[in-house]
Amino acid sequence: QVQLVESGGGLVQAGGSLRLSCAASGRSISTYPMGWFRRAPGKEREFVAAISGSGGITNYEDSVKGRFTISRDNAKNTAYLQMNSLKPEDTAVYSCAAIRARYSGNYYSRDGGQYDYWGQGTQVTVSS
């Protein structure tokens, strides 16, 4: 079983930056595709970014391209989401998720239904 714990959320002014961390425990996630999702008040959960198990492929939701960067540090069993040029519309609870390693190293998914493990989430609030 894998446990995921997010950290790094907070309150930031528009144009600012935050780095979210997703620390895994229970087993190594070094080959697990990882993803970040967010849910704003009154809205459905939406995909933000994903990284393949190999770490060689990343994918982003259009509104965050060029501003957010997903990465992973397998030695630390941790995934990250660097968020720059934040906007008020980025305000949401951000959750990380992992897919059990059963696909090729280049696999990733934008579909939350494909993920097996989820963290509790961390609040990101961007003020205007």
Foldseek 3Di string as FASTA:
>chain_A
DKAWAKDFADEEAAQAKIKIKIAIDDDFQLQWKKFKWWDDPPGDIFGAKIAFSPRPDIDGDVVQPPFWDWGDDRVRSMIMIIGGRDDQVVWTWMKMFTAPRDDDRRDYDRDPVRTDYIYPTDTHGYHD
